[in-house]
Amino acid sequence: MVQNGLPVNRIAFTFARKYGNAVQRNRSRRLSREVYRLLKARLCIGYDLVLLVYPGADTFADRLEQLETLFRKAGLFLDKT
């Protein structure tokens, strides 16, 4: 997480080695982007984020929980609850 000085966040998802084939990586990337879209209204702006994704937790609910926890630990949520 690095401040970028822009009025938006920029986010990239990268994958651990041996994650799977291209279909699995692309599905996981789409899932991660959708979860981010859901959460981005609640996040601070002006950061560059690079997230390393490991195999497992490939359901929407699991990924949502993971990203909420990660963003909360990083202090990126506007609401501090």
Protein backbone atom coordinates (compact mmCIF):
# COMPACT_ATOMS: atom_id res chain seq x y z
CA MET A 1 0.00 0.00 0.00
CA VAL A 2 1.51 3.27 -1.18
CA GLN A 3 -0.10 6.68 -1.47
CA ASN A 4 -0.40 7.71 -5.11
CA GLY A 5 -1.60 11.32 -4.81
CA LEU A 6 -4.59 10.64 -7.07
CA PRO A 7 -8.31 10.91 -6.24
CA VAL A 8 -8.72 7.17 -6.87
CA ASN A 9 -7.26 3.88 -5.70
CA ARG A 10 -5.40 1.70 -8.16
CA ILE A 11 -5.45 -2.02 -7.46
CA ALA A 12 -3.71 -5.03 -8.99
CA PHE A 13 -4.14 -8.71 -8.22
CA THR A 14 -1.21 -11.05 -8.70
CA PHE A 15 -1.04 -14.76 -8.02
CA ALA A 16 1.29 -17.11 -6.19
CA ARG A 17 3.29 -19.56 -8.26
CA LYS A 18 1.49 -22.79 -9.07
CA TYR A 19 -1.91 -21.13 -8.53
CA GLY A 20 -3.54 -23.18 -11.23
CA ASN A 21 -4.31 -22.80 -14.89
CA ALA A 22 -5.34 -19.57 -16.63
CA VAL A 23 -9.05 -20.29 -16.18
CA GLN A 24 -8.67 -20.56 -12.40
CA ARG A 25 -6.52 -17.43 -12.17
CA ASN A 26 -8.94 -15.40 -14.31
CA ARG A 27 -11.95 -16.58 -12.30
CA SER A 28 -10.19 -15.63 -9.07
CA ARG A 29 -9.23 -12.24 -10.54
CA ARG A 30 -12.86 -11.55 -11.55
CA LEU A 31 -14.08 -12.59 -8.11
CA SER A 32 -11.53 -10.36 -6.40
CA ARG A 33 -12.43 -7.37 -8.58
CA GLU A 34 -16.13 -7.81 -7.83
CA VAL A 35 -15.46 -7.93 -4.08
CA TYR A 36 -13.30 -4.82 -4.38
CA ARG A 37 -16.11 -3.02 -6.27
CA LEU A 38 -18.44 -3.84 -3.40
CA LEU A 39 -16.01 -2.49 -0.77
CA LYS A 40 -14.46 0.51 -2.54
CA ALA A 41 -17.11 3.03 -1.39
CA ARG A 42 -16.06 2.30 2.21
CA LEU A 43 -12.30 2.71 1.58
CA CYS A 44 -9.95 5.67 1.84
CA ILE A 45 -8.80 6.93 -1.55
CA GLY A 46 -5.41 7.78 -3.00
CA TYR A 47 -3.56 4.47 -2.68
CA ASP A 48 -1.89 1.95 -4.96
CA LEU A 49 -2.64 -1.60 -3.81
CA VAL A 50 -1.06 -4.85 -5.00
CA LEU A 51 -2.63 -8.00 -3.57
CA LEU A 52 -0.98 -11.40 -3.78
CA VAL A 53 -3.67 -14.09 -4.05
CA TYR A 54 -3.06 -17.65 -2.89
CA PRO A 55 -5.16 -20.72 -3.77
CA GLY A 56 -8.19 -21.45 -1.62
CA ALA A 57 -11.14 -19.35 -0.48
CA ASP A 58 -12.58 -19.12 -3.99
CA THR A 59 -16.13 -18.27 -2.98
CA PHE A 60 -17.52 -14.76 -2.91
CA ALA A 61 -18.19 -14.85 0.84
CA ASP A 62 -14.68 -16.11 1.64
CA ARG A 63 -12.99 -13.53 -0.57
CA LEU A 64 -15.17 -10.77 0.90
CA GLU A 65 -14.15 -11.77 4.42
CA GLN A 66 -10.47 -11.90 3.43
CA LEU A 67 -10.43 -8.48 1.79
CA GLU A 68 -12.46 -6.85 4.58
CA THR A 69 -9.98 -8.19 7.14
CA LEU A 70 -7.00 -7.11 5.06
CA PHE A 71 -8.30 -3.58 4.44
CA ARG A 72 -9.31 -3.21 8.09
CA LYS A 73 -5.80 -4.22 9.27
CA ALA A 74 -4.27 -1.77 6.79
CA GLY A 75 -6.49 1.02 8.14
CA LEU A 76 -8.13 1.71 4.79
CA PHE A 77 -11.77 1.65 5.92
CA LEU A 78 -13.42 5.04 6.39
CA ASP A 79 -15.66 3.63 9.13
CA LYS A 80 -13.59 2.38 12.04
CA THR A 81 -16.04 -0.30 13.21
